[in-house]
Amino acid sequence: MQNEYNHIDLLIANFLSGEANQSEKDQLNRWIGESPANKRIFEESRRIWVKSQTYFSSTEIRSDREKIKDRIIQQLSKPTKKVSLSTWIYRVAAILALPVMLGIGWYLGSTKISSETQMCEVTAPKGQISKCVLADGTEVWLNAGSTLKYDAALKGNLREVNLDGEAYFKVSKNKHKPFVVSTEHARIKVLGTIFNLKAYSGENKVETTLEEGSVEFCLKGSATKPVELKPGERVVYNISEKKITVGKVEIYLHTAWKDGKFVFKDADLQTIIQELEKLYDVRIHLENDSLLKLRFRGMFEYEQNIFSALEALERTTNMKYRMKGRDIWLQ
């Protein structure tokens, strides 16, 4: 039975990517006609494919599929005790999603799916952006060094996910089933909206920026009244001071990372250091604390290397740098 699952997985992936020969097409059609469950698996896989294929040429997809062919076969050949309907759909989705992520130069990240609990964990390592599409159609971009955990089927009265790091959410609307993002210190509740949430463990702030729709920002374990945001507003919770501030912001300054850009305007050096460490997986040290008073305006692109970023800082200040391995000293 396991071999049959693997064979059908690859038949669906080959058919949707345009690589299936006539024999494979005939086999797939016979399998689809065997039961409503089979048809459902195929339709769900096609829905995921159609949602993304318009952005990539068949040449790009074929190229990327070749790069990960061994990885797919290795993953599908792993033994499992039981393969449920929804787990099967996600396995097929993974085959299709991998070339899509690689096709735009992003990294899919480390994705784990438990076949018993159907809990998913998606991680974007330092220096990379990851994107995933949840079962309800919600799109999530993960910034470098971020992890998202969620029930693959989003069961229950709430569509709840857990975030450590930064993510941009484009939530599919469902007025009967609110979408909730839980972090270490706060919960953000929405019905259908677009917003950015930054909540890295170890950092002193939790920030939510609303682009479209409405969100409700609640502190965990606090009687403080929830904060309702309007488009163009950002709420910041200072953890050490236990203080909440709300104000209007330039949205793109807080969401440009989704497009592979770090845009800053009148930013302090400490903020820039935190971002560069995540972007390039380096450790930055200051030899002179007076540098923290410097303010910067500009943009770095994720595809640029760390030297380009450091040289840009040098051109606008008298600051110098030296580097050894992954450690950088600023003076």
C-alpha atoms as a PDB file:
ATOM      1  CA  MET A   1       0.000   0.000   0.000  1.00  0.00           C
ATOM      2  CA  GLN A   2       2.869   2.398   0.809  1.00  0.00           C
ATOM      3  CA  ASN A   3       4.298   1.938  -2.692  1.00  0.00           C
ATOM      4  CA  GLU A   4       0.874   2.759  -4.150  1.00  0.00           C
ATOM      5  CA  TYR A   5       0.737   6.028  -2.170  1.00  0.00           C
ATOM      6  CA  ASN A   6       4.200   7.002  -3.406  1.00  0.00           C
ATOM      7  CA  HIS A   7       3.279   6.167  -6.998  1.00  0.00           C
ATOM      8  CA  ILE A   8       0.063   8.239  -6.926  1.00  0.00           C
ATOM      9  CA  ASP A   9       1.886  11.162  -5.273  1.00  0.00           C
ATOM     10  CA  LEU A  10       4.311  11.301  -8.176  1.00  0.00           C
ATOM     11  CA  LEU A  11       1.595  10.771 -10.798  1.00  0.00           C
ATOM     12  CA  ILE A  12      -0.311  13.821  -9.512  1.00  0.00           C
ATOM     13  CA  ALA A  13       2.831  15.964  -9.309  1.00  0.00           C
ATOM     14  CA  ASN A  14       3.933  14.970 -12.829  1.00  0.00           C
ATOM     15  CA  PHE A  15       0.469  15.594 -14.286  1.00  0.00           C
ATOM     16  CA  LEU A  16       0.061  19.066 -12.745  1.00  0.00           C
ATOM     17  CA  SER A  17       3.564  20.141 -13.769  1.00  0.00           C
ATOM     18  CA  GLY A  18       3.001  18.962 -17.353  1.00  0.00           C
ATOM     19  CA  GLU A  19       5.578  16.183 -17.227  1.00  0.00           C
ATOM     20  CA  ALA A  20       3.256  13.139 -17.272  1.00  0.00           C
ATOM     21  CA  ASN A  21       3.305  10.874 -20.338  1.00  0.00           C
ATOM     22  CA  GLN A  22       0.116   9.349 -21.763  1.00  0.00           C
ATOM     23  CA  SER A  23       0.464   6.143 -19.727  1.00  0.00           C
ATOM     24  CA  GLU A  24       0.756   8.145 -16.501  1.00  0.00           C
ATOM     25  CA  LYS A  25      -2.249  10.274 -17.451  1.00  0.00           C
ATOM     26  CA  ASP A  26      -4.346   7.139 -18.073  1.00  0.00           C
ATOM     27  CA  GLN A  27      -3.296   5.634 -14.741  1.00  0.00           C
ATOM     28  CA  LEU A  28      -4.176   8.833 -12.913  1.00  0.00           C
ATOM     29  CA  ASN A  29      -7.583   9.124 -14.579  1.00  0.00           C
ATOM     30  CA  ARG A  30      -8.440   5.540 -13.618  1.00  0.00           C
ATOM     31  CA  TRP A  31      -7.379   6.173 -10.020  1.00  0.00           C
ATOM     32  CA  ILE A  32      -9.419   9.422  -9.794  1.00  0.00           C
ATOM     33  CA  GLY A  33     -12.512   7.564 -11.016  1.00  0.00           C
ATOM     34  CA  GLU A  34     -12.205   4.851  -8.363  1.00  0.00           C
ATOM     35  CA  SER A  35     -13.633   6.891  -5.464  1.00  0.00           C
ATOM     36  CA  PRO A  36     -14.778  10.381  -4.325  1.00  0.00           C
ATOM     37  CA  ALA A  37     -11.861  10.440  -1.864  1.00  0.00           C
ATOM     38  CA  ASN A  38      -9.372  10.033  -4.708  1.00  0.00           C
ATOM     39  CA  LYS A  39     -11.045  12.831  -6.637  1.00  0.00           C
ATOM     40  CA  ARG A  40     -10.878  15.085  -3.584  1.00  0.00           C
ATOM     41  CA  ILE A  41      -7.129  14.502  -3.222  1.00  0.00           C
ATOM     42  CA  PHE A  42      -6.567  15.377  -6.857  1.00  0.00           C
ATOM     43  CA  GLU A  43      -8.772  18.511  -6.789  1.00  0.00           C
ATOM     44  CA  GLU A  44      -7.089  19.828  -3.648  1.00  0.00           C
ATOM     45  CA  SER A  45      -3.663  19.289  -5.172  1.00  0.00           C
ATOM     46  CA  ARG A  46      -4.743  21.057  -8.378  1.00  0.00           C
ATOM     47  CA  ARG A  47      -6.137  24.002  -6.371  1.00  0.00           C
ATOM     48  CA  ILE A  48      -2.740  24.529  -4.731  1.00  0.00           C
ATOM     49  CA  TRP A  49      -0.972  24.244  -8.085  1.00  0.00           C
ATOM     50  CA  VAL A  50      -3.264  26.654  -9.956  1.00  0.00           C
ATOM     51  CA  LYS A  51      -2.845  29.231  -7.176  1.00  0.00           C
ATOM     52  CA  SER A  52       0.887  29.429  -7.801  1.00  0.00           C
ATOM     53  CA  GLN A  53       1.699  28.291 -11.344  1.00  0.00           C
ATOM     54  CA  THR A  54       0.946  31.596 -13.072  1.00  0.00           C
ATOM     55  CA  TYR A  55       4.083  33.120 -11.591  1.00  0.00           C
ATOM     56  CA  PHE A  56       6.534  30.594 -13.022  1.00  0.00           C
ATOM     57  CA  SER A  57       7.386  29.275 -16.456  1.00  0.00           C
ATOM     58  CA  SER A  58       7.340  25.542 -17.153  1.00  0.00           C
ATOM     59  CA  THR A  59      11.083  25.746 -17.820  1.00  0.00           C
ATOM     60  CA  GLU A  60      11.759  27.183 -14.353  1.00  0.00           C
ATOM     61  CA  ILE A  61       9.571  24.576 -12.710  1.00  0.00           C
ATOM     62  CA  ARG A  62      11.187  21.681 -14.578  1.00  0.00           C
ATOM     63  CA  SER A  63      14.620  22.977 -13.658  1.00  0.00           C
ATOM     64  CA  ASP A  64      13.732  23.254  -9.985  1.00  0.00           C
ATOM     65  CA  ARG A  65      12.048  19.864  -9.939  1.00  0.00           C
ATOM     66  CA  GLU A  66      15.264  18.272 -11.188  1.00  0.00           C
ATOM     67  CA  LYS A  67      17.221  19.945  -8.406  1.00  0.00           C
ATOM     68  CA  ILE A  68      15.017  18.444  -5.724  1.00  0.00           C
ATOM     69  CA  LYS A  69      14.067  15.143  -7.372  1.00  0.00           C
ATOM     70  CA  ASP A  70      16.281  13.065  -5.088  1.00  0.00           C
ATOM     71  CA  ARG A  71      14.980  14.938  -2.039  1.00  0.00           C
ATOM     72  CA  ILE A  72      11.353  14.197  -2.950  1.00  0.00           C
ATOM     73  CA  ILE A  73      11.954  10.508  -3.579  1.00  0.00           C
ATOM     74  CA  GLN A  74      13.912  10.222  -0.333  1.00  0.00           C
ATOM     75  CA  GLN A  75      11.086  11.855   1.637  1.00  0.00           C
ATOM     76  CA  LEU A  76       8.320   9.747   0.075  1.00  0.00           C
ATOM     77  CA  SER A  77      10.211   6.511   0.667  1.00  0.00           C
ATOM     78  CA  LYS A  78      10.245   7.003   4.445  1.00  0.00           C
ATOM     79  CA  PRO A  79       8.045   4.440   6.230  1.00  0.00           C
ATOM     80  CA  THR A  80       4.858   5.639   7.927  1.00  0.00           C
ATOM     81  CA  LYS A  81       2.433   3.733  10.119  1.00  0.00           C
ATOM     82  CA  LYS A  82      -0.695   5.281   8.633  1.00  0.00           C
ATOM     83  CA  VAL A  83      -1.385   7.743   5.845  1.00  0.00           C
ATOM     84  CA  SER A  84      -4.581   9.719   6.336  1.00  0.00           C
ATOM     85  CA  LEU A  85      -6.452  11.575   3.602  1.00  0.00           C
ATOM     86  CA  SER A  86      -5.297  15.034   4.722  1.00  0.00           C
ATOM     87  CA  THR A  87      -1.713  13.880   5.280  1.00  0.00           C
ATOM     88  CA  TRP A  88      -1.675  12.542   1.719  1.00  0.00           C
ATOM     89  CA  ILE A  89      -2.864  15.887   0.367  1.00  0.00           C
ATOM     90  CA  TYR A  90      -0.102  17.718   2.225  1.00  0.00           C
ATOM     91  CA  ARG A  91       2.500  15.280   0.897  1.00  0.00           C
ATOM     92  CA  VAL A  92       1.404  16.025  -2.674  1.00  0.00           C
ATOM     93  CA  ALA A  93       1.314  19.750  -1.852  1.00  0.00           C
ATOM     94  CA  ALA A  94       4.904  19.508  -0.632  1.00  0.00           C
ATOM     95  CA  ILE A  95       6.022  18.019  -3.948  1.00  0.00           C
ATOM     96  CA  LEU A  96       4.410  20.925  -5.792  1.00  0.00           C
ATOM     97  CA  ALA A  97       5.454  23.621  -3.326  1.00  0.00           C
ATOM     98  CA  LEU A  98       9.168  22.852  -3.344  1.00  0.00           C
ATOM     99  CA  PRO A  99       9.805  23.893  -6.965  1.00  0.00           C
ATOM    100  CA  VAL A 100       7.583  26.934  -6.520  1.00  0.00           C
ATOM    101  CA  MET A 101       9.655  28.179  -3.585  1.00  0.00           C
ATOM    102  CA  LEU A 102      12.933  27.475  -5.340  1.00  0.00           C
ATOM    103  CA  GLY A 103      11.643  29.100  -8.515  1.00  0.00           C
ATOM    104  CA  ILE A 104      11.519  32.521  -6.911  1.00  0.00           C
ATOM    105  CA  GLY A 105      14.811  32.168  -5.137  1.00  0.00           C
ATOM    106  CA  TRP A 106      13.325  31.759  -1.690  1.00  0.00           C
ATOM    107  CA  TYR A 107      13.993  28.939   0.721  1.00  0.00           C
ATOM    108  CA  LEU A 108      11.165  26.644   1.738  1.00  0.00           C
ATOM    109  CA  GLY A 109      12.773  26.265   5.117  1.00  0.00           C
ATOM    110  CA  SER A 110      12.684  23.267   7.373  1.00  0.00           C
ATOM    111  CA  THR A 111       9.154  21.853   7.175  1.00  0.00           C
ATOM    112  CA  LYS A 112       8.028  19.124   9.545  1.00  0.00           C
ATOM    113  CA  ILE A 113       4.678  17.338   9.451  1.00  0.00           C
ATOM    114  CA  SER A 114       3.721  14.801  12.116  1.00  0.00           C
ATOM    115  CA  SER A 115       1.674  12.002  10.531  1.00  0.00           C
ATOM    116  CA  GLU A 116       0.066  11.202  13.895  1.00  0.00           C
ATOM    117  CA  THR A 117      -0.944  14.665  15.163  1.00  0.00           C
ATOM    118  CA  GLN A 118      -0.799  16.438  11.772  1.00  0.00           C
ATOM    119  CA  MET A 119       1.009  19.381  13.395  1.00  0.00           C
ATOM    120  CA  CYS A 120       3.176  21.392  11.009  1.00  0.00           C
ATOM    121  CA  GLU A 121       6.272  23.432  11.742  1.00  0.00           C
ATOM    122  CA  VAL A 122       7.773  25.746   9.112  1.00  0.00           C
ATOM    123  CA  THR A 123      11.108  27.437   9.778  1.00  0.00           C
ATOM    124  CA  ALA A 124      12.906  30.179   7.856  1.00  0.00           C
ATOM    125  CA  PRO A 125      16.619  29.996   8.719  1.00  0.00           C
ATOM    126  CA  LYS A 126      18.753  33.091   9.060  1.00  0.00           C
ATOM    127  CA  GLY A 127      19.352  34.749   5.727  1.00  0.00           C
ATOM    128  CA  GLN A 128      16.234  33.303   4.074  1.00  0.00           C
ATOM    129  CA  ILE A 129      12.518  33.997   3.578  1.00  0.00           C
ATOM    130  CA  SER A 130       9.960  31.183   3.583  1.00  0.00           C
ATOM    131  CA  LYS A 131       6.350  31.122   2.423  1.00  0.00           C
ATOM    132  CA  CYS A 132       3.576  28.640   3.110  1.00  0.00           C
ATOM    133  CA  VAL A 133      -0.132  28.389   2.282  1.00  0.00           C
ATOM    134  CA  LEU A 134      -2.384  27.034   5.046  1.00  0.00           C
ATOM    135  CA  ALA A 135      -5.322  24.677   4.513  1.00  0.00           C
ATOM    136  CA  ASP A 136      -7.823  27.582   4.523  1.00  0.00           C
ATOM    137  CA  GLY A 137      -5.920  29.469   1.795  1.00  0.00           C
ATOM    138  CA  THR A 138      -4.187  31.867   4.191  1.00  0.00           C
ATOM    139  CA  GLU A 139      -0.756  32.893   2.889  1.00  0.00           C
ATOM    140  CA  VAL A 140       2.119  33.361   5.319  1.00  0.00           C
ATOM    141  CA  TRP A 141       5.593  34.773   4.637  1.00  0.00           C
ATOM    142  CA  LEU A 142       8.224  34.055   7.315  1.00  0.00           C
ATOM    143  CA  ASN A 143      11.179  36.356   7.821  1.00  0.00           C
ATOM    144  CA  ALA A 144      14.679  35.106   8.600  1.00  0.00           C
ATOM    145  CA  GLY A 145      15.009  33.229  11.889  1.00  0.00           C
ATOM    146  CA  SER A 146      11.244  32.660  12.285  1.00  0.00           C
ATOM    147  CA  THR A 147       9.164  29.563  13.060  1.00  0.00           C
ATOM    148  CA  LEU A 148       5.440  28.942  12.543  1.00  0.00           C
ATOM    149  CA  LYS A 149       3.601  26.002  14.162  1.00  0.00           C
ATOM    150  CA  TYR A 150       0.004  25.007  13.395  1.00  0.00           C
ATOM    151  CA  ASP A 151      -2.506  22.196  13.021  1.00  0.00           C
ATOM    152  CA  ALA A 152      -2.319  21.175   9.358  1.00  0.00           C
ATOM    153  CA  ALA A 153      -6.118  20.916   9.082  1.00  0.00           C
ATOM    154  CA  LEU A 154      -6.823  24.026  11.250  1.00  0.00           C
ATOM    155  CA  LYS A 155      -9.435  22.072  13.216  1.00  0.00           C
ATOM    156  CA  GLY A 156     -11.651  23.551  15.944  1.00  0.00           C
ATOM    157  CA  ASN A 157     -13.569  26.805  16.370  1.00  0.00           C
ATOM    158  CA  LEU A 158     -10.435  28.907  15.830  1.00  0.00           C
ATOM    159  CA  ARG A 159      -7.756  28.831  13.151  1.00  0.00           C
ATOM    160  CA  GLU A 160      -4.851  29.188  15.563  1.00  0.00           C
ATOM    161  CA  VAL A 161      -1.144  29.295  14.735  1.00  0.00           C
ATOM    162  CA  ASN A 162       1.921  29.932  16.901  1.00  0.00           C
ATOM    163  CA  LEU A 163       4.701  32.281  15.835  1.00  0.00           C
ATOM    164  CA  ASP A 164       8.233  32.900  17.053  1.00  0.00           C
ATOM    165  CA  GLY A 165       9.775  35.564  14.843  1.00  0.00           C
ATOM    166  CA  GLU A 166       8.282  37.781  12.139  1.00  0.00           C
ATOM    167  CA  ALA A 167       5.567  36.939   9.637  1.00  0.00           C
ATOM    168  CA  TYR A 168       3.369  38.685   7.077  1.00  0.00           C
ATOM    169  CA  PHE A 169      -0.140  37.229   6.996  1.00  0.00           C
ATOM    170  CA  LYS A 170      -2.694  37.415   4.202  1.00  0.00           C
ATOM    171  CA  VAL A 171      -5.617  35.796   6.001  1.00  0.00           C
ATOM    172  CA  SER A 172      -8.448  34.081   4.157  1.00  0.00           C
ATOM    173  CA  LYS A 173     -11.766  35.492   5.393  1.00  0.00           C
ATOM    174  CA  ASN A 174     -14.081  33.263   7.442  1.00  0.00           C
ATOM    175  CA  LYS A 175     -16.457  35.139   9.764  1.00  0.00           C
ATOM    176  CA  HIS A 176     -17.468  31.911  11.490  1.00  0.00           C
ATOM    177  CA  LYS A 177     -13.914  30.869  12.342  1.00  0.00           C
ATOM    178  CA  PRO A 178     -11.542  33.655  13.514  1.00  0.00           C
ATOM    179  CA  PHE A 179      -7.833  33.431  12.760  1.00  0.00           C
ATOM    180  CA  VAL A 180      -5.571  33.785  15.815  1.00  0.00           C
ATOM    181  CA  VAL A 181      -1.797  34.180  15.958  1.00  0.00           C
ATOM    182  CA  SER A 182      -0.309  33.336  19.330  1.00  0.00           C
ATOM    183  CA  THR A 183       3.143  34.536  20.447  1.00  0.00           C
ATOM    184  CA  GLU A 184       4.943  34.319  23.768  1.00  0.00           C
ATOM    185  CA  HIS A 185       3.444  37.574  25.052  1.00  0.00           C
ATOM    186  CA  ALA A 186       0.439  38.381  22.867  1.00  0.00           C
ATOM    187  CA  ARG A 187      -2.427  37.057  20.743  1.00  0.00           C
ATOM    188  CA  ILE A 188      -3.662  38.696  17.535  1.00  0.00           C
ATOM    189  CA  LYS A 189      -7.207  37.882  16.431  1.00  0.00           C
ATOM    190  CA  VAL A 190      -8.604  38.562  12.934  1.00  0.00           C
ATOM    191  CA  LEU A 191     -11.392  37.482  10.595  1.00  0.00           C
ATOM    192  CA  GLY A 192      -9.783  38.244   7.239  1.00  0.00           C
ATOM    193  CA  THR A 193      -7.033  40.789   6.810  1.00  0.00           C
ATOM    194  CA  ILE A 194      -3.423  41.574   5.890  1.00  0.00           C
ATOM    195  CA  PHE A 195      -0.953  42.376   8.647  1.00  0.00           C
ATOM    196  CA  ASN A 196       2.648  42.016   9.808  1.00  0.00           C
ATOM    197  CA  LEU A 197       3.622  40.608  13.197  1.00  0.00           C
ATOM    198  CA  LYS A 198       7.096  40.743  14.724  1.00  0.00           C
ATOM    199  CA  ALA A 199       7.651  38.768  17.935  1.00  0.00           C
ATOM    200  CA  TYR A 200      11.106  37.237  18.159  1.00  0.00           C
ATOM    201  CA  SER A 201      11.829  35.446  21.429  1.00  0.00           C
ATOM    202  CA  GLY A 202      14.726  37.182  23.141  1.00  0.00           C
ATOM    203  CA  GLU A 203      13.803  40.629  21.797  1.00  0.00           C
ATOM    204  CA  ASN A 204      12.144  43.281  23.938  1.00  0.00           C
ATOM    205  CA  LYS A 205       9.260  44.228  21.620  1.00  0.00           C
ATOM    206  CA  VAL A 206       6.194  42.736  20.001  1.00  0.00           C
ATOM    207  CA  GLU A 207       4.965  44.714  16.981  1.00  0.00           C
ATOM    208  CA  THR A 208       1.861  44.397  14.816  1.00  0.00           C
ATOM    209  CA  THR A 209       1.363  46.540  11.705  1.00  0.00           C
ATOM    210  CA  LEU A 210      -2.020  46.474   9.947  1.00  0.00           C
ATOM    211  CA  GLU A 211      -2.140  46.873   6.188  1.00  0.00           C
ATOM    212  CA  GLU A 212      -5.760  45.965   5.457  1.00  0.00           C
ATOM    213  CA  GLY A 213      -8.860  44.939   7.453  1.00  0.00           C
ATOM    214  CA  SER A 214      -8.802  44.935  11.260  1.00  0.00           C
ATOM    215  CA  VAL A 215      -7.018  43.106  14.061  1.00  0.00           C
ATOM    216  CA  GLU A 216      -7.368  42.823  17.806  1.00  0.00           C
ATOM    217  CA  PHE A 217      -4.111  42.852  19.792  1.00  0.00           C
ATOM    218  CA  CYS A 218      -4.354  41.216  23.253  1.00  0.00           C
ATOM    219  CA  LEU A 219      -1.674  40.761  25.903  1.00  0.00           C
ATOM    220  CA  LYS A 220      -1.490  37.317  27.453  1.00  0.00           C
ATOM    221  CA  GLY A 221      -2.178  37.086  31.187  1.00  0.00           C
ATOM    222  CA  SER A 222      -3.248  40.721  31.404  1.00  0.00           C
ATOM    223  CA  ALA A 223      -6.512  42.474  32.130  1.00  0.00           C
ATOM    224  CA  THR A 224      -5.533  45.227  29.709  1.00  0.00           C
ATOM    225  CA  LYS A 225      -8.258  45.988  27.186  1.00  0.00           C
ATOM    226  CA  PRO A 226      -7.494  44.606  23.673  1.00  0.00           C
ATOM    227  CA  VAL A 227      -6.188  47.144  21.158  1.00  0.00           C
ATOM    228  CA  GLU A 228      -8.105  47.354  17.881  1.00  0.00           C
ATOM    229  CA  LEU A 229      -5.996  48.550  14.961  1.00  0.00           C
ATOM    230  CA  LYS A 230      -7.053  50.421  11.845  1.00  0.00           C
ATOM    231  CA  PRO A 231      -5.238  50.135   8.484  1.00  0.00           C
ATOM    232  CA  GLY A 232      -1.953  52.050   8.544  1.00  0.00           C
ATOM    233  CA  GLU A 233      -1.530  51.697  12.313  1.00  0.00           C
ATOM    234  CA  ARG A 234       1.089  49.818  14.334  1.00  0.00           C
ATOM    235  CA  VAL A 235       0.936  48.657  17.936  1.00  0.00           C
ATOM    236  CA  VAL A 236       4.189  48.120  19.847  1.00  0.00           C
ATOM    237  CA  TYR A 237       4.405  46.353  23.196  1.00  0.00           C
ATOM    238  CA  ASN A 238       7.587  47.046  25.167  1.00  0.00           C
ATOM    239  CA  ILE A 239       8.016  43.890  27.232  1.00  0.00           C
ATOM    240  CA  SER A 240      10.401  45.211  29.908  1.00  0.00           C
ATOM    241  CA  GLU A 241       8.415  48.407  30.446  1.00  0.00           C
ATOM    242  CA  LYS A 242       5.037  46.652  30.010  1.00  0.00           C
ATOM    243  CA  LYS A 243       3.973  49.578  27.839  1.00  0.00           C
ATOM    244  CA  ILE A 244       1.756  49.662  24.733  1.00  0.00           C
ATOM    245  CA  THR A 245       1.959  52.400  22.096  1.00  0.00           C
ATOM    246  CA  VAL A 246      -0.163  52.816  18.967  1.00  0.00           C
ATOM    247  CA  GLY A 247       0.487  55.120  16.024  1.00  0.00           C
ATOM    248  CA  LYS A 248       0.370  55.688  12.284  1.00  0.00           C
ATOM    249  CA  VAL A 249       3.300  54.335  10.262  1.00  0.00           C
ATOM    250  CA  GLU A 250       4.552  53.941   6.704  1.00  0.00           C
ATOM    251  CA  ILE A 251       3.443  50.379   6.051  1.00  0.00           C
ATOM    252  CA  TYR A 252       6.175  49.475   3.575  1.00  0.00           C
ATOM    253  CA  LEU A 253       8.926  50.187   6.113  1.00  0.00           C
ATOM    254  CA  HIS A 254       7.600  47.229   8.107  1.00  0.00           C
ATOM    255  CA  THR A 255       6.615  44.865   5.287  1.00  0.00           C
ATOM    256  CA  ALA A 256       9.313  45.362   2.620  1.00  0.00           C
ATOM    257  CA  TRP A 257      11.215  42.346   3.962  1.00  0.00           C
ATOM    258  CA  LYS A 258       8.528  40.178   2.309  1.00  0.00           C
ATOM    259  CA  ASP A 259       9.913  41.397  -1.029  1.00  0.00           C
ATOM    260  CA  GLY A 260      13.494  40.689   0.009  1.00  0.00           C
ATOM    261  CA  LYS A 261      14.264  44.258   1.092  1.00  0.00           C
ATOM    262  CA  PHE A 262      15.175  45.809   4.443  1.00  0.00           C
ATOM    263  CA  VAL A 263      14.059  49.437   4.259  1.00  0.00           C
ATOM    264  CA  PHE A 264      14.863  51.808   7.124  1.00  0.00           C
ATOM    265  CA  LYS A 265      14.212  55.484   7.773  1.00  0.00           C
ATOM    266  CA  ASP A 266      15.859  57.257  10.699  1.00  0.00           C
ATOM    267  CA  ALA A 267      16.726  53.869  12.235  1.00  0.00           C
ATOM    268  CA  ASP A 268      19.217  53.510  15.093  1.00  0.00           C
ATOM    269  CA  LEU A 269      22.279  51.297  14.710  1.00  0.00           C
ATOM    270  CA  GLN A 270      21.031  48.696  17.207  1.00  0.00           C
ATOM    271  CA  THR A 271      17.940  48.083  15.049  1.00  0.00           C
ATOM    272  CA  ILE A 272      20.095  47.693  11.949  1.00  0.00           C
ATOM    273  CA  ILE A 273      22.476  45.334  13.739  1.00  0.00           C
ATOM    274  CA  GLN A 274      19.602  43.061  14.812  1.00  0.00           C
ATOM    275  CA  GLU A 275      18.352  42.851  11.227  1.00  0.00           C
ATOM    276  CA  LEU A 276      21.780  42.267   9.680  1.00  0.00           C
ATOM    277  CA  GLU A 277      22.522  39.467  12.150  1.00  0.00           C
ATOM    278  CA  LYS A 278      19.334  37.676  11.106  1.00  0.00           C
ATOM    279  CA  LEU A 279      19.771  38.384   7.400  1.00  0.00           C
ATOM    280  CA  TYR A 280      23.357  37.222   7.087  1.00  0.00           C
ATOM    281  CA  ASP A 281      23.737  34.891  10.092  1.00  0.00           C
ATOM    282  CA  VAL A 282      26.609  36.897  11.585  1.00  0.00           C
ATOM    283  CA  ARG A 283      27.504  38.342  15.003  1.00  0.00           C
ATOM    284  CA  ILE A 284      28.131  42.090  15.132  1.00  0.00           C
ATOM    285  CA  HIS A 285      30.085  43.722  17.975  1.00  0.00           C
ATOM    286  CA  LEU A 286      30.536  47.420  18.782  1.00  0.00           C
ATOM    287  CA  GLU A 287      33.975  48.724  19.801  1.00  0.00           C
ATOM    288  CA  ASN A 288      32.524  52.139  20.565  1.00  0.00           C
ATOM    289  CA  ASP A 289      29.111  52.528  22.236  1.00  0.00           C
ATOM    290  CA  SER A 290      28.818  56.075  20.901  1.00  0.00           C
ATOM    291  CA  LEU A 291      27.953  54.487  17.536  1.00  0.00           C
ATOM    292  CA  LEU A 292      24.534  53.667  18.965  1.00  0.00           C
ATOM    293  CA  LYS A 293      23.631  57.362  18.632  1.00  0.00           C
ATOM    294  CA  LEU A 294      23.941  57.217  14.857  1.00  0.00           C
ATOM    295  CA  ARG A 295      20.742  57.201  12.765  1.00  0.00           C
ATOM    296  CA  PHE A 296      20.436  55.769   9.275  1.00  0.00           C
ATOM    297  CA  ARG A 297      18.213  55.929   6.198  1.00  0.00           C
ATOM    298  CA  GLY A 298      18.441  53.512   3.283  1.00  0.00           C
ATOM    299  CA  MET A 299      17.788  49.988   2.032  1.00  0.00           C
ATOM    300  CA  PHE A 300      19.524  46.625   1.889  1.00  0.00           C
ATOM    301  CA  GLU A 301      18.416  43.806  -0.374  1.00  0.00           C
ATOM    302  CA  TYR A 302      18.481  40.251   0.932  1.00  0.00           C
ATOM    303  CA  GLU A 303      20.298  39.012  -2.177  1.00  0.00           C
ATOM    304  CA  GLN A 304      23.223  41.344  -1.466  1.00  0.00           C
ATOM    305  CA  ASN A 305      26.077  40.047   0.678  1.00  0.00           C
ATOM    306  CA  ILE A 306      27.098  41.385   4.085  1.00  0.00           C
ATOM    307  CA  PHE A 307      30.010  43.340   2.586  1.00  0.00           C
ATOM    308  CA  SER A 308      27.632  45.429   0.458  1.00  0.00           C
ATOM    309  CA  ALA A 309      25.627  46.313   3.571  1.00  0.00           C
ATOM    310  CA  LEU A 310      28.688  47.221   5.628  1.00  0.00           C
ATOM    311  CA  GLU A 311      30.171  49.321   2.820  1.00  0.00           C
ATOM    312  CA  ALA A 312      26.884  51.190   2.513  1.00  0.00           C
ATOM    313  CA  LEU A 313      27.079  52.064   6.205  1.00  0.00           C
ATOM    314  CA  GLU A 314      30.704  53.143   5.794  1.00  0.00           C
ATOM    315  CA  ARG A 315      29.819  55.522   2.955  1.00  0.00           C
ATOM    316  CA  THR A 316      27.303  57.424   5.101  1.00  0.00           C
ATOM    317  CA  THR A 317      29.392  57.620   8.320  1.00  0.00           C
ATOM    318  CA  ASN A 318      32.976  57.515   9.545  1.00  0.00           C
ATOM    319  CA  MET A 319      32.347  54.004  10.824  1.00  0.00           C
ATOM    320  CA  LYS A 320      34.844  51.244   9.923  1.00  0.00           C
ATOM    321  CA  TYR A 321      34.547  47.492  10.183  1.00  0.00           C
ATOM    322  CA  ARG A 322      36.729  44.397  10.398  1.00  0.00           C
ATOM    323  CA  MET A 323      35.598  40.824   9.987  1.00  0.00           C
ATOM    324  CA  LYS A 324      36.825  37.411  11.138  1.00  0.00           C
ATOM    325  CA  GLY A 325      34.727  34.400  10.256  1.00  0.00           C
ATOM    326  CA  ARG A 326      31.110  35.244  11.134  1.00  0.00           C
ATOM    327  CA  ASP A 327      32.128  37.925  13.668  1.00  0.00           C
ATOM    328  CA  ILE A 328      32.153  41.597  12.688  1.00  0.00           C
ATOM    329  CA  TRP A 329      33.507  44.486  14.745  1.00  0.00           C
ATOM    330  CA  LEU A 330      32.301  48.045  14.110  1.00  0.00           C
ATOM    331  CA  GLN A 331      34.422  51.038  15.166  1.00  0.00           C
END
